[in-house]
Amino acid sequence: MSERIKLNKVSLRGQKQRLAMYRRFLPALEARKQQFLMQLALVRRQIADQEASLQALIQEIGLWSPLLWDMGPLLRYFIEIREVKASVRNVAGLKVPQFHGVDFADPPYSLFATPISFEEVVRKLRETIGLREAIRMLREQERVLFEGFRKTSQRINLYEQRLIPDCREAIRKITVYLQDQQAAAVGVAKVAKRMSEAALKGIGVS
């Protein structure tokens, strides 16, 4: 054990209180760990789904490459990100980012000076960028949740593999020592009693 144990009743009481505290905290840590695992599984499914959607969209847009080439100089003004909307939610004490969408610059344009498919191309490109940003934030969620899971697992291991066994061992040592002390005290008392009785007899005989 890392600390020297005092072999007395006060120390025994303290070790028992520690053990009770560790046992009380452990179920809460286990529940927290399970919550992180469930959230991680959910986020990873969302990442896989969003990445599949993004790839499908990129392939679809790839069919329009001639249009994109023609509209390129104008398109860049319509796919400029003005704001990535996000918030933070609490997951078992962790601040996890939450994606809410992307706001794009929206400059005016002439319906007559742009191709008939311009609005559709802009919509698809914005959807692609939105998916990219959503995936980026999901990756950040995954990182935060995994870090929470890792730290909680470490704390559980600390309790299970070190703190609780150390407390049990300390309680055992103190208990054995106190029992030995009590047995020795009883033995000394018996010897003292016999000696006293013998002395009294000796006085009586003389």
N, C-alpha and C. Protein backbone atom coordinates (compact mmCIF):
# COMPACT_ATOMS: atom_id res chain seq x y z
N MET A 1 0.84 -1.21 0.00
CA MET A 1 0.00 0.00 0.00
C MET A 1 0.86 1.25 0.00
N SER A 2 0.39 2.35 -0.58
CA SER A 2 1.18 3.55 -0.74
C SER A 2 1.33 4.33 0.57
N GLU A 3 0.36 4.21 1.50
CA GLU A 3 0.44 4.95 2.75
C GLU A 3 0.56 4.00 3.93
N ARG A 4 1.23 4.48 4.95
CA ARG A 4 1.42 3.67 6.15
C ARG A 4 0.11 3.61 6.94
N ILE A 5 -0.28 2.40 7.32
CA ILE A 5 -1.55 2.22 8.02
C ILE A 5 -1.32 2.34 9.53
N LYS A 6 -2.16 3.13 10.17
CA LYS A 6 -2.14 3.19 11.64
C LYS A 6 -3.01 2.07 12.16
N LEU A 7 -2.43 1.26 13.02
CA LEU A 7 -3.14 0.07 13.51
C LEU A 7 -3.93 0.40 14.76
N ASN A 8 -5.03 1.12 14.58
CA ASN A 8 -5.90 1.45 15.72
C ASN A 8 -7.35 1.51 15.26
N LYS A 9 -8.26 1.70 16.22
CA LYS A 9 -9.69 1.68 15.91
C LYS A 9 -10.12 2.88 15.07
N VAL A 10 -9.47 4.02 15.29
CA VAL A 10 -9.80 5.21 14.49
C VAL A 10 -9.46 4.96 13.02
N SER A 11 -8.29 4.39 12.77
CA SER A 11 -7.88 4.07 11.40
C SER A 11 -8.81 3.03 10.78
N LEU A 12 -9.23 2.05 11.58
CA LEU A 12 -10.15 1.02 11.09
C LEU A 12 -11.47 1.64 10.65
N ARG A 13 -11.98 2.56 11.47
CA ARG A 13 -13.23 3.23 11.12
C ARG A 13 -13.06 4.04 9.83
N GLY A 14 -11.93 4.73 9.71
CA GLY A 14 -11.67 5.52 8.51
C GLY A 14 -11.59 4.66 7.25
N GLN A 15 -10.94 3.52 7.35
CA GLN A 15 -10.82 2.61 6.20
C GLN A 15 -12.18 2.05 5.82
N LYS A 16 -13.01 1.75 6.79
CA LYS A 16 -14.36 1.24 6.49
C LYS A 16 -15.21 2.31 5.81
N GLN A 17 -15.04 3.56 6.24
CA GLN A 17 -15.78 4.66 5.61
C GLN A 17 -15.33 4.86 4.17
N ARG A 18 -14.02 4.76 3.94
CA ARG A 18 -13.49 4.87 2.58
C ARG A 18 -14.05 3.77 1.69
N LEU A 19 -14.02 2.55 2.20
CA LEU A 19 -14.52 1.41 1.42
C LEU A 19 -15.99 1.60 1.06
N ALA A 20 -16.78 2.06 2.03
CA ALA A 20 -18.21 2.30 1.77
C ALA A 20 -18.38 3.39 0.69
N MET A 21 -17.54 4.43 0.75
CA MET A 21 -17.62 5.52 -0.24
C MET A 21 -17.27 5.01 -1.63
N TYR A 22 -16.19 4.23 -1.75
CA TYR A 22 -15.79 3.70 -3.05
C TYR A 22 -16.89 2.80 -3.62
N ARG A 23 -17.47 1.98 -2.77
CA ARG A 23 -18.54 1.07 -3.24
C ARG A 23 -19.77 1.86 -3.66
N ARG A 24 -19.99 3.00 -3.02
CA ARG A 24 -21.14 3.83 -3.38
C ARG A 24 -20.91 4.54 -4.71
N PHE A 25 -19.68 4.98 -4.96
CA PHE A 25 -19.36 5.69 -6.20
C PHE A 25 -19.30 4.77 -7.41
N LEU A 26 -18.88 3.53 -7.20
CA LEU A 26 -18.63 2.61 -8.31
C LEU A 26 -19.84 2.40 -9.23
N PRO A 27 -21.05 2.14 -8.70
CA PRO A 27 -22.21 1.96 -9.60
C PRO A 27 -22.49 3.20 -10.46
N ALA A 28 -22.29 4.40 -9.86
CA ALA A 28 -22.52 5.63 -10.63
C ALA A 28 -21.51 5.74 -11.77
N LEU A 29 -20.27 5.36 -11.51
CA LEU A 29 -19.25 5.39 -12.56
C LEU A 29 -19.55 4.37 -13.65
N GLU A 30 -20.02 3.20 -13.24
CA GLU A 30 -20.39 2.16 -14.22
C GLU A 30 -21.53 2.65 -15.11
N ALA A 31 -22.51 3.31 -14.49
CA ALA A 31 -23.66 3.84 -15.26
C ALA A 31 -23.18 4.92 -16.24
N ARG A 32 -22.24 5.76 -15.78
CA ARG A 32 -21.68 6.82 -16.64
C ARG A 32 -20.94 6.21 -17.83
N LYS A 33 -20.18 5.17 -17.55
CA LYS A 33 -19.44 4.48 -18.61
C LYS A 33 -20.39 3.90 -19.66
N GLN A 34 -21.48 3.28 -19.20
CA GLN A 34 -22.46 2.70 -20.12
C GLN A 34 -23.13 3.78 -20.96
N GLN A 35 -23.38 4.94 -20.33
CA GLN A 35 -24.01 6.03 -21.07
C GLN A 35 -23.08 6.52 -22.18
N PHE A 36 -21.79 6.63 -21.88
CA PHE A 36 -20.82 7.03 -22.90
C PHE A 36 -20.77 6.01 -24.04
N LEU A 37 -20.81 4.73 -23.69
CA LEU A 37 -20.77 3.67 -24.71
C LEU A 37 -21.98 3.76 -25.64
N MET A 38 -23.15 3.97 -25.06
CA MET A 38 -24.37 4.06 -25.87
C MET A 38 -24.32 5.29 -26.79
N GLN A 39 -23.88 6.42 -26.23
CA GLN A 39 -23.78 7.64 -27.03
C GLN A 39 -22.74 7.50 -28.14
N LEU A 40 -21.62 6.84 -27.83
CA LEU A 40 -20.59 6.60 -28.84
C LEU A 40 -21.11 5.75 -29.99
N ALA A 41 -21.86 4.69 -29.65
CA ALA A 41 -22.43 3.82 -30.68
C ALA A 41 -23.39 4.60 -31.57
N LEU A 42 -24.20 5.47 -30.95
CA LEU A 42 -25.17 6.28 -31.70
C LEU A 42 -24.44 7.25 -32.63
N VAL A 43 -23.43 7.94 -32.11
CA VAL A 43 -22.69 8.92 -32.91
C VAL A 43 -21.97 8.23 -34.07
N ARG A 44 -21.40 7.07 -33.82
CA ARG A 44 -20.67 6.36 -34.89
C ARG A 44 -21.62 5.88 -35.99
N ARG A 45 -22.84 5.49 -35.63
CA ARG A 45 -23.84 5.14 -36.65
C ARG A 45 -24.21 6.37 -37.47
N GLN A 46 -24.36 7.51 -36.79
CA GLN A 46 -24.70 8.75 -37.48
C GLN A 46 -23.57 9.16 -38.44
N ILE A 47 -22.34 8.99 -38.00
CA ILE A 47 -21.20 9.31 -38.87
C ILE A 47 -21.22 8.45 -40.13
N ALA A 48 -21.44 7.15 -39.94
CA ALA A 48 -21.48 6.23 -41.09
C ALA A 48 -22.61 6.61 -42.05
N ASP A 49 -23.79 6.93 -41.50
CA ASP A 49 -24.93 7.31 -42.34
C ASP A 49 -24.67 8.61 -43.10
N GLN A 50 -24.13 9.60 -42.38
CA GLN A 50 -23.86 10.89 -43.01
C GLN A 50 -22.77 10.79 -44.07
N GLU A 51 -21.75 9.98 -43.81
CA GLU A 51 -20.68 9.81 -44.80
C GLU A 51 -21.20 9.12 -46.06
N ALA A 52 -22.10 8.15 -45.87
CA ALA A 52 -22.70 7.49 -47.04
C ALA A 52 -23.53 8.48 -47.84
N SER A 53 -24.29 9.33 -47.16
CA SER A 53 -25.09 10.36 -47.84
C SER A 53 -24.20 11.34 -48.58
N LEU A 54 -23.10 11.71 -47.94
CA LEU A 54 -22.17 12.67 -48.55
C LEU A 54 -21.54 12.09 -49.82
N GLN A 55 -21.14 10.83 -49.76
CA GLN A 55 -20.53 10.19 -50.94
C GLN A 55 -21.53 10.11 -52.09
N ALA A 56 -22.77 9.77 -51.78
CA ALA A 56 -23.81 9.69 -52.81
C ALA A 56 -24.05 11.06 -53.44
N LEU A 57 -24.04 12.10 -52.61
CA LEU A 57 -24.26 13.45 -53.10
C LEU A 57 -23.09 13.92 -53.97
N ILE A 58 -21.89 13.59 -53.55
CA ILE A 58 -20.70 13.97 -54.33
C ILE A 58 -20.73 13.30 -55.70
N GLN A 59 -21.15 12.03 -55.73
CA GLN A 59 -21.24 11.33 -57.02
C GLN A 59 -22.30 11.98 -57.92
N GLU A 60 -23.41 12.38 -57.30
CA GLU A 60 -24.48 13.03 -58.07
C GLU A 60 -24.00 14.36 -58.63
N ILE A 61 -23.31 15.13 -57.79
CA ILE A 61 -22.81 16.44 -58.24
C ILE A 61 -21.74 16.27 -59.32
N GLY A 62 -20.99 15.18 -59.22
CA GLY A 62 -19.94 14.91 -60.21
C GLY A 62 -20.49 14.81 -61.62
N LEU A 63 -21.75 14.41 -61.74
CA LEU A 63 -22.38 14.31 -63.07
C LEU A 63 -22.61 15.69 -63.68
N TRP A 64 -22.58 16.72 -62.84
CA TRP A 64 -22.84 18.07 -63.32
C TRP A 64 -21.55 18.87 -63.53
N SER A 65 -20.44 18.22 -63.63
CA SER A 65 -19.15 18.92 -63.68
C SER A 65 -19.09 20.01 -64.77
N PRO A 66 -19.67 19.78 -65.95
CA PRO A 66 -19.65 20.87 -66.95
C PRO A 66 -20.40 22.11 -66.47
N LEU A 67 -21.57 21.88 -65.81
CA LEU A 67 -22.33 23.00 -65.28
C LEU A 67 -21.55 23.75 -64.20
N LEU A 68 -20.92 22.98 -63.33
CA LEU A 68 -20.15 23.58 -62.24
C LEU A 68 -19.01 24.42 -62.79
N TRP A 69 -18.42 23.94 -63.85
CA TRP A 69 -17.31 24.67 -64.46
C TRP A 69 -17.79 26.02 -64.98
N ASP A 70 -18.95 26.02 -65.60
CA ASP A 70 -19.50 27.26 -66.16
C ASP A 70 -19.95 28.24 -65.07
N MET A 71 -20.52 27.67 -63.98
CA MET A 71 -21.06 28.53 -62.92
C MET A 71 -20.04 28.88 -61.84
N GLY A 72 -18.87 28.27 -61.92
CA GLY A 72 -17.87 28.39 -60.86
C GLY A 72 -17.64 29.79 -60.31
N PRO A 73 -17.37 30.79 -61.14
CA PRO A 73 -17.10 32.15 -60.64
C PRO A 73 -18.25 32.73 -59.82
N LEU A 74 -19.49 32.38 -60.19
CA LEU A 74 -20.65 32.91 -59.47
C LEU A 74 -20.98 32.06 -58.24
N LEU A 75 -20.81 30.75 -58.36
CA LEU A 75 -21.20 29.83 -57.28
C LEU A 75 -20.49 30.12 -55.96
N ARG A 76 -19.22 30.52 -56.05
CA ARG A 76 -18.43 30.67 -54.83
C ARG A 76 -19.04 31.68 -53.86
N TYR A 77 -19.80 32.63 -54.37
CA TYR A 77 -20.45 33.62 -53.50
C TYR A 77 -21.66 33.03 -52.77
N PHE A 78 -22.21 31.96 -53.33
CA PHE A 78 -23.43 31.37 -52.77
C PHE A 78 -23.16 30.17 -51.86
N ILE A 79 -21.91 29.73 -51.83
CA ILE A 79 -21.56 28.61 -50.93
C ILE A 79 -20.58 29.07 -49.84
N GLU A 80 -20.46 30.38 -49.71
CA GLU A 80 -19.62 30.93 -48.64
C GLU A 80 -20.35 30.78 -47.30
N ILE A 81 -19.69 30.15 -46.34
CA ILE A 81 -20.31 29.92 -45.03
C ILE A 81 -20.32 31.21 -44.21
N ARG A 82 -21.50 31.57 -43.75
CA ARG A 82 -21.63 32.74 -42.88
C ARG A 82 -21.55 32.33 -41.41
N GLU A 83 -22.16 31.18 -41.08
CA GLU A 83 -22.16 30.71 -39.69
C GLU A 83 -22.47 29.21 -39.65
N VAL A 84 -21.72 28.49 -38.82
CA VAL A 84 -22.06 27.10 -38.51
C VAL A 84 -22.81 27.13 -37.18
N LYS A 85 -24.08 26.77 -37.22
CA LYS A 85 -24.91 26.87 -36.02
C LYS A 85 -24.72 25.62 -35.15
N ALA A 86 -24.43 25.85 -33.88
CA ALA A 86 -24.18 24.72 -32.97
C ALA A 86 -24.55 25.12 -31.54
N SER A 87 -24.72 24.12 -30.71
CA SER A 87 -24.95 24.35 -29.28
C SER A 87 -24.18 23.28 -28.52
N VAL A 88 -24.30 23.33 -27.22
CA VAL A 88 -23.62 22.34 -26.37
C VAL A 88 -24.65 21.66 -25.50
N ARG A 89 -24.63 20.34 -25.46
CA ARG A 89 -25.53 19.60 -24.57
C ARG A 89 -24.71 18.81 -23.56
N ASN A 90 -25.35 18.54 -22.43
CA ASN A 90 -24.67 17.84 -21.34
C ASN A 90 -24.93 16.34 -21.45
N VAL A 91 -23.85 15.58 -21.53
CA VAL A 91 -23.95 14.11 -21.53
C VAL A 91 -23.11 13.59 -20.39
N ALA A 92 -23.77 13.19 -19.31
CA ALA A 92 -23.08 12.64 -18.13
C ALA A 92 -21.95 13.55 -17.65
N GLY A 93 -22.23 14.86 -17.65
CA GLY A 93 -21.25 15.82 -17.16
C GLY A 93 -20.29 16.35 -18.20
N LEU A 94 -20.38 15.86 -19.42
CA LEU A 94 -19.50 16.34 -20.50
C LEU A 94 -20.24 17.34 -21.39
N LYS A 95 -19.53 18.35 -21.86
CA LYS A 95 -20.10 19.30 -22.81
C LYS A 95 -19.85 18.79 -24.22
N VAL A 96 -20.92 18.33 -24.87
CA VAL A 96 -20.82 17.73 -26.20
C VAL A 96 -21.43 18.67 -27.23
N PRO A 97 -20.69 19.02 -28.29
CA PRO A 97 -21.22 19.94 -29.31
C PRO A 97 -22.34 19.30 -30.11
N GLN A 98 -23.30 20.11 -30.48
CA GLN A 98 -24.46 19.65 -31.24
C GLN A 98 -24.64 20.50 -32.48
N PHE A 99 -24.73 19.87 -33.64
CA PHE A 99 -24.83 20.59 -34.93
C PHE A 99 -26.28 20.96 -35.22
N HIS A 100 -26.49 22.21 -35.71
CA HIS A 100 -27.85 22.67 -36.02
C HIS A 100 -28.00 23.20 -37.44
N GLY A 101 -26.93 23.18 -38.22
CA GLY A 101 -27.05 23.63 -39.60
C GLY A 101 -26.01 24.68 -39.95
N VAL A 102 -26.07 25.10 -41.22
CA VAL A 102 -25.12 26.09 -41.74
C VAL A 102 -25.90 27.23 -42.38
N ASP A 103 -25.49 28.45 -42.05
CA ASP A 103 -26.04 29.64 -42.72
C ASP A 103 -25.06 30.06 -43.81
N PHE A 104 -25.57 30.28 -45.00
CA PHE A 104 -24.72 30.68 -46.13
C PHE A 104 -24.98 32.13 -46.52
N ALA A 105 -23.98 32.72 -47.13
CA ALA A 105 -24.17 34.04 -47.71
C ALA A 105 -25.25 33.94 -48.80
N ASP A 106 -26.04 34.96 -48.94
CA ASP A 106 -27.17 34.89 -49.89
C ASP A 106 -27.26 36.18 -50.72
N PRO A 107 -26.28 36.37 -51.59
CA PRO A 107 -26.27 37.61 -52.39
C PRO A 107 -27.39 37.57 -53.45
N PRO A 108 -27.82 38.70 -53.90
CA PRO A 108 -28.86 38.73 -54.95
C PRO A 108 -28.29 38.28 -56.29
N TYR A 109 -29.17 37.77 -57.15
CA TYR A 109 -28.74 37.38 -58.50
C TYR A 109 -29.94 37.48 -59.45
N SER A 110 -29.65 37.51 -60.70
CA SER A 110 -30.69 37.64 -61.72
C SER A 110 -31.10 36.26 -62.23
N LEU A 111 -32.40 36.01 -62.21
CA LEU A 111 -32.91 34.74 -62.75
C LEU A 111 -32.62 34.62 -64.24
N PHE A 112 -32.57 35.74 -64.92
CA PHE A 112 -32.39 35.72 -66.38
C PHE A 112 -30.92 35.59 -66.77
N ALA A 113 -30.02 35.97 -65.82
CA ALA A 113 -28.59 35.93 -66.14
C ALA A 113 -27.92 34.64 -65.68
N THR A 114 -28.70 33.73 -65.09
CA THR A 114 -28.13 32.46 -64.59
C THR A 114 -28.83 31.29 -65.27
N PRO A 115 -28.14 30.15 -65.40
CA PRO A 115 -28.76 28.96 -66.01
C PRO A 115 -29.98 28.51 -65.21
N ILE A 116 -30.87 27.78 -65.88
CA ILE A 116 -32.10 27.33 -65.25
C ILE A 116 -31.84 26.39 -64.06
N SER A 117 -30.71 25.70 -64.10
CA SER A 117 -30.37 24.73 -63.05
C SER A 117 -29.55 25.36 -61.92
N PHE A 118 -29.36 26.68 -61.95
CA PHE A 118 -28.49 27.34 -60.97
C PHE A 118 -28.94 27.10 -59.53
N GLU A 119 -30.21 27.28 -59.27
CA GLU A 119 -30.72 27.12 -57.90
C GLU A 119 -30.54 25.69 -57.40
N GLU A 120 -30.76 24.72 -58.29
CA GLU A 120 -30.60 23.31 -57.90
C GLU A 120 -29.14 23.00 -57.58
N VAL A 121 -28.25 23.53 -58.39
CA VAL A 121 -26.81 23.32 -58.16
C VAL A 121 -26.40 23.93 -56.82
N VAL A 122 -26.86 25.14 -56.56
CA VAL A 122 -26.54 25.81 -55.29
C VAL A 122 -27.07 24.99 -54.11
N ARG A 123 -28.31 24.51 -54.25
CA ARG A 123 -28.93 23.73 -53.17
C ARG A 123 -28.12 22.46 -52.88
N LYS A 124 -27.70 21.77 -53.93
CA LYS A 124 -26.94 20.54 -53.76
C LYS A 124 -25.56 20.81 -53.14
N LEU A 125 -24.93 21.87 -53.59
CA LEU A 125 -23.61 22.20 -53.04
C LEU A 125 -23.72 22.60 -51.57
N ARG A 126 -24.75 23.35 -51.24
CA ARG A 126 -24.96 23.72 -49.83
C ARG A 126 -25.26 22.49 -48.97
N GLU A 127 -26.02 21.57 -49.54
CA GLU A 127 -26.32 20.33 -48.82
C GLU A 127 -25.03 19.54 -48.57
N THR A 128 -24.15 19.53 -49.57
CA THR A 128 -22.87 18.83 -49.43
C THR A 128 -22.02 19.46 -48.33
N ILE A 129 -21.95 20.78 -48.33
CA ILE A 129 -21.17 21.48 -47.31
C ILE A 129 -21.79 21.27 -45.93
N GLY A 130 -23.12 21.29 -45.86
CA GLY A 130 -23.81 21.04 -44.59
C GLY A 130 -23.49 19.66 -44.04
N LEU A 131 -23.49 18.66 -44.92
CA LEU A 131 -23.14 17.30 -44.50
C LEU A 131 -21.69 17.23 -44.02
N ARG A 132 -20.82 17.92 -44.73
CA ARG A 132 -19.40 17.94 -44.33
C ARG A 132 -19.24 18.53 -42.93
N GLU A 133 -19.94 19.63 -42.65
CA GLU A 133 -19.86 20.27 -41.34
C GLU A 133 -20.51 19.41 -40.25
N ALA A 134 -21.60 18.75 -40.61
CA ALA A 134 -22.27 17.86 -39.65
C ALA A 134 -21.35 16.71 -39.25
N ILE A 135 -20.66 16.14 -40.24
CA ILE A 135 -19.72 15.04 -39.98
C ILE A 135 -18.56 15.54 -39.13
N ARG A 136 -18.07 16.74 -39.44
CA ARG A 136 -16.97 17.29 -38.65
C ARG A 136 -17.36 17.42 -37.18
N MET A 137 -18.60 17.88 -36.92
CA MET A 137 -19.04 18.04 -35.53
C MET A 137 -19.33 16.70 -34.88
N LEU A 138 -19.82 15.74 -35.66
CA LEU A 138 -20.02 14.39 -35.12
C LEU A 138 -18.68 13.77 -34.72
N ARG A 139 -17.65 14.04 -35.50
CA ARG A 139 -16.31 13.56 -35.16
C ARG A 139 -15.83 14.17 -33.83
N GLU A 140 -16.17 15.46 -33.65
CA GLU A 140 -15.81 16.11 -32.39
C GLU A 140 -16.60 15.52 -31.23
N GLN A 141 -17.89 15.21 -31.46
CA GLN A 141 -18.68 14.52 -30.45
C GLN A 141 -18.04 13.19 -30.07
N GLU A 142 -17.64 12.45 -31.10
CA GLU A 142 -17.00 11.15 -30.86
C GLU A 142 -15.74 11.31 -30.02
N ARG A 143 -14.94 12.32 -30.32
CA ARG A 143 -13.69 12.54 -29.58
C ARG A 143 -13.97 12.85 -28.11
N VAL A 144 -14.93 13.76 -27.87
CA VAL A 144 -15.27 14.17 -26.50
C VAL A 144 -15.83 12.98 -25.71
N LEU A 145 -16.75 12.24 -26.34
CA LEU A 145 -17.37 11.10 -25.66
C LEU A 145 -16.35 9.99 -25.38
N PHE A 146 -15.46 9.74 -26.33
CA PHE A 146 -14.46 8.70 -26.11
C PHE A 146 -13.50 9.09 -24.98
N GLU A 147 -13.16 10.37 -24.92
CA GLU A 147 -12.28 10.84 -23.83
C GLU A 147 -12.97 10.66 -22.48
N GLY A 148 -14.28 10.97 -22.43
CA GLY A 148 -15.05 10.75 -21.20
C GLY A 148 -15.10 9.27 -20.84
N PHE A 149 -15.32 8.43 -21.84
CA PHE A 149 -15.35 6.98 -21.62
C PHE A 149 -14.00 6.48 -21.11
N ARG A 150 -12.91 6.98 -21.70
CA ARG A 150 -11.57 6.53 -21.31
C ARG A 150 -11.25 6.92 -19.86
N LYS A 151 -11.54 8.16 -19.50
CA LYS A 151 -11.25 8.62 -18.14
C LYS A 151 -12.11 7.90 -17.11
N THR A 152 -13.37 7.67 -17.45
CA THR A 152 -14.27 6.96 -16.52
C THR A 152 -13.81 5.52 -16.34
N SER A 153 -13.38 4.87 -17.43
CA SER A 153 -12.87 3.50 -17.34
C SER A 153 -11.62 3.44 -16.46
N GLN A 154 -10.76 4.44 -16.59
CA GLN A 154 -9.55 4.50 -15.77
C GLN A 154 -9.91 4.63 -14.29
N ARG A 155 -10.91 5.46 -14.00
CA ARG A 155 -11.31 5.65 -12.61
C ARG A 155 -11.94 4.37 -12.04
N ILE A 156 -12.73 3.69 -12.85
CA ILE A 156 -13.32 2.42 -12.40
C ILE A 156 -12.22 1.41 -12.10
N ASN A 157 -11.24 1.34 -13.00
CA ASN A 157 -10.11 0.42 -12.78
C ASN A 157 -9.35 0.78 -11.52
N LEU A 158 -9.18 2.08 -11.27
CA LEU A 158 -8.49 2.52 -10.05
C LEU A 158 -9.24 2.06 -8.81
N TYR A 159 -10.55 2.20 -8.83
CA TYR A 159 -11.36 1.77 -7.68
C TYR A 159 -11.29 0.25 -7.52
N GLU A 160 -11.51 -0.47 -8.62
CA GLU A 160 -11.63 -1.93 -8.55
C GLU A 160 -10.29 -2.63 -8.29
N GLN A 161 -9.22 -2.08 -8.89
CA GLN A 161 -7.94 -2.79 -8.85
C GLN A 161 -6.99 -2.28 -7.77
N ARG A 162 -7.25 -1.06 -7.26
CA ARG A 162 -6.32 -0.53 -6.26
C ARG A 162 -7.00 -0.06 -4.98
N LEU A 163 -7.90 0.94 -5.10
CA LEU A 163 -8.44 1.57 -3.90
C LEU A 163 -9.25 0.61 -3.04
N ILE A 164 -10.18 -0.13 -3.66
CA ILE A 164 -11.01 -1.06 -2.89
C ILE A 164 -10.18 -2.21 -2.33
N PRO A 165 -9.31 -2.87 -3.13
CA PRO A 165 -8.45 -3.92 -2.56
C PRO A 165 -7.54 -3.40 -1.45
N ASP A 166 -7.00 -2.18 -1.61
CA ASP A 166 -6.15 -1.60 -0.58
C ASP A 166 -6.91 -1.40 0.73
N CYS A 167 -8.15 -0.91 0.62
CA CYS A 167 -8.98 -0.72 1.81
C CYS A 167 -9.27 -2.05 2.49
N ARG A 168 -9.63 -3.04 1.70
CA ARG A 168 -9.92 -4.37 2.28
C ARG A 168 -8.69 -4.93 3.00
N GLU A 169 -7.53 -4.77 2.38
CA GLU A 169 -6.30 -5.28 2.99
C GLU A 169 -5.97 -4.52 4.27
N ALA A 170 -6.18 -3.20 4.24
CA ALA A 170 -5.93 -2.39 5.44
C ALA A 170 -6.86 -2.80 6.57
N ILE A 171 -8.13 -3.01 6.23
CA ILE A 171 -9.12 -3.44 7.24
C ILE A 171 -8.72 -4.79 7.82
N ARG A 172 -8.28 -5.69 6.94
CA ARG A 172 -7.85 -7.02 7.41
C ARG A 172 -6.66 -6.91 8.37
N LYS A 173 -5.66 -6.11 8.01
CA LYS A 173 -4.45 -5.97 8.84
C LYS A 173 -4.78 -5.35 10.19
N ILE A 174 -5.59 -4.28 10.15
CA ILE A 174 -5.94 -3.60 11.41
C ILE A 174 -6.76 -4.53 12.30
N THR A 175 -7.72 -5.25 11.68
CA THR A 175 -8.58 -6.16 12.44
C THR A 175 -7.74 -7.26 13.09
N VAL A 176 -6.84 -7.85 12.30
CA VAL A 176 -5.98 -8.91 12.84
C VAL A 176 -5.13 -8.37 13.98
N TYR A 177 -4.55 -7.18 13.79
CA TYR A 177 -3.71 -6.59 14.82
C TYR A 177 -4.51 -6.32 16.10
N LEU A 178 -5.70 -5.73 15.95
CA LEU A 178 -6.53 -5.43 17.12
C LEU A 178 -6.97 -6.70 17.82
N GLN A 179 -7.28 -7.76 17.06
CA GLN A 179 -7.66 -9.04 17.66
C GLN A 179 -6.49 -9.65 18.43
N ASP A 180 -5.29 -9.54 17.83
CA ASP A 180 -4.09 -10.03 18.51
C ASP A 180 -3.83 -9.25 19.79
N GLN A 181 -4.03 -7.94 19.72
CA GLN A 181 -3.83 -7.10 20.90
C GLN A 181 -4.83 -7.45 22.00
N GLN A 182 -6.08 -7.70 21.54
CA GLN A 182 -7.12 -8.05 22.51
C GLN A 182 -6.82 -9.41 23.14
N ALA A 183 -6.39 -10.37 22.29
CA ALA A 183 -6.04 -11.70 22.82
C ALA A 183 -4.87 -11.61 23.78
N ALA A 184 -3.88 -10.78 23.43
CA ALA A 184 -2.71 -10.61 24.31
C ALA A 184 -3.12 -9.98 25.63
N ALA A 185 -4.03 -9.00 25.55
CA ALA A 185 -4.49 -8.33 26.77
C ALA A 185 -5.24 -9.30 27.67
N VAL A 186 -6.06 -10.16 27.04
CA VAL A 186 -6.80 -11.17 27.83
C VAL A 186 -5.81 -12.14 28.48
N GLY A 187 -4.79 -12.53 27.69
CA GLY A 187 -3.76 -13.44 28.22
C GLY A 187 -3.03 -12.82 29.39
N VAL A 188 -2.66 -11.57 29.27
CA VAL A 188 -1.96 -10.87 30.35
C VAL A 188 -2.85 -10.77 31.58
N ALA A 189 -4.13 -10.48 31.36
CA ALA A 189 -5.07 -10.37 32.48
C ALA A 189 -5.21 -11.69 33.22
N LYS A 190 -5.23 -12.81 32.46
CA LYS A 190 -5.35 -14.12 33.09
C LYS A 190 -4.11 -14.44 33.91
N VAL A 191 -2.95 -14.14 33.33
CA VAL A 191 -1.70 -14.38 34.05
C VAL A 191 -1.65 -13.54 35.32
N ALA A 192 -2.05 -12.26 35.19
CA ALA A 192 -2.04 -11.38 36.35
C ALA A 192 -3.00 -11.87 37.42
N LYS A 193 -4.13 -12.41 36.98
CA LYS A 193 -5.12 -12.93 37.95
C LYS A 193 -4.57 -14.14 38.68
N ARG A 194 -3.92 -15.04 37.92
CA ARG A 194 -3.35 -16.23 38.56
C ARG A 194 -2.25 -15.85 39.55
N MET A 195 -1.41 -14.90 39.13
CA MET A 195 -0.34 -14.46 40.01
C MET A 195 -0.90 -13.82 41.27
N SER A 196 -1.97 -13.05 41.11
CA SER A 196 -2.60 -12.40 42.24
C SER A 196 -3.21 -13.41 43.19
N GLU A 197 -3.88 -14.44 42.57
CA GLU A 197 -4.49 -15.49 43.42
C GLU A 197 -3.41 -16.27 44.15
N ALA A 198 -2.30 -16.53 43.45
CA ALA A 198 -1.21 -17.26 44.07
C ALA A 198 -0.61 -16.46 45.22
N ALA A 199 -0.48 -15.15 44.99
CA ALA A 199 0.09 -14.30 46.04
C ALA A 199 -0.81 -14.26 47.24
N LEU A 200 -2.13 -14.20 46.99
CA LEU A 200 -3.07 -14.17 48.10
C LEU A 200 -3.03 -15.47 48.89
N LYS A 201 -2.89 -16.60 48.15
CA LYS A 201 -2.80 -17.89 48.82
C LYS A 201 -1.55 -17.96 49.69
N GLY A 202 -0.45 -17.42 49.10
CA GLY A 202 0.81 -17.43 49.84
C GLY A 202 0.70 -16.63 51.13
N ILE A 203 0.01 -15.53 51.05
CA ILE A 203 -0.19 -14.71 52.25
C ILE A 203 -1.03 -15.44 53.27
N GLY A 204 -2.02 -16.15 52.78
CA GLY A 204 -2.91 -16.90 53.67
C GLY A 204 -2.18 -18.05 54.35
N VAL A 205 -1.34 -18.73 53.59
CA VAL A 205 -0.62 -19.90 54.14
C VAL A 205 0.39 -19.44 55.19
N SER A 206 1.09 -18.33 54.91
CA SER A 206 2.09 -17.86 55.85
C SER A 206 1.40 -17.29 57.09
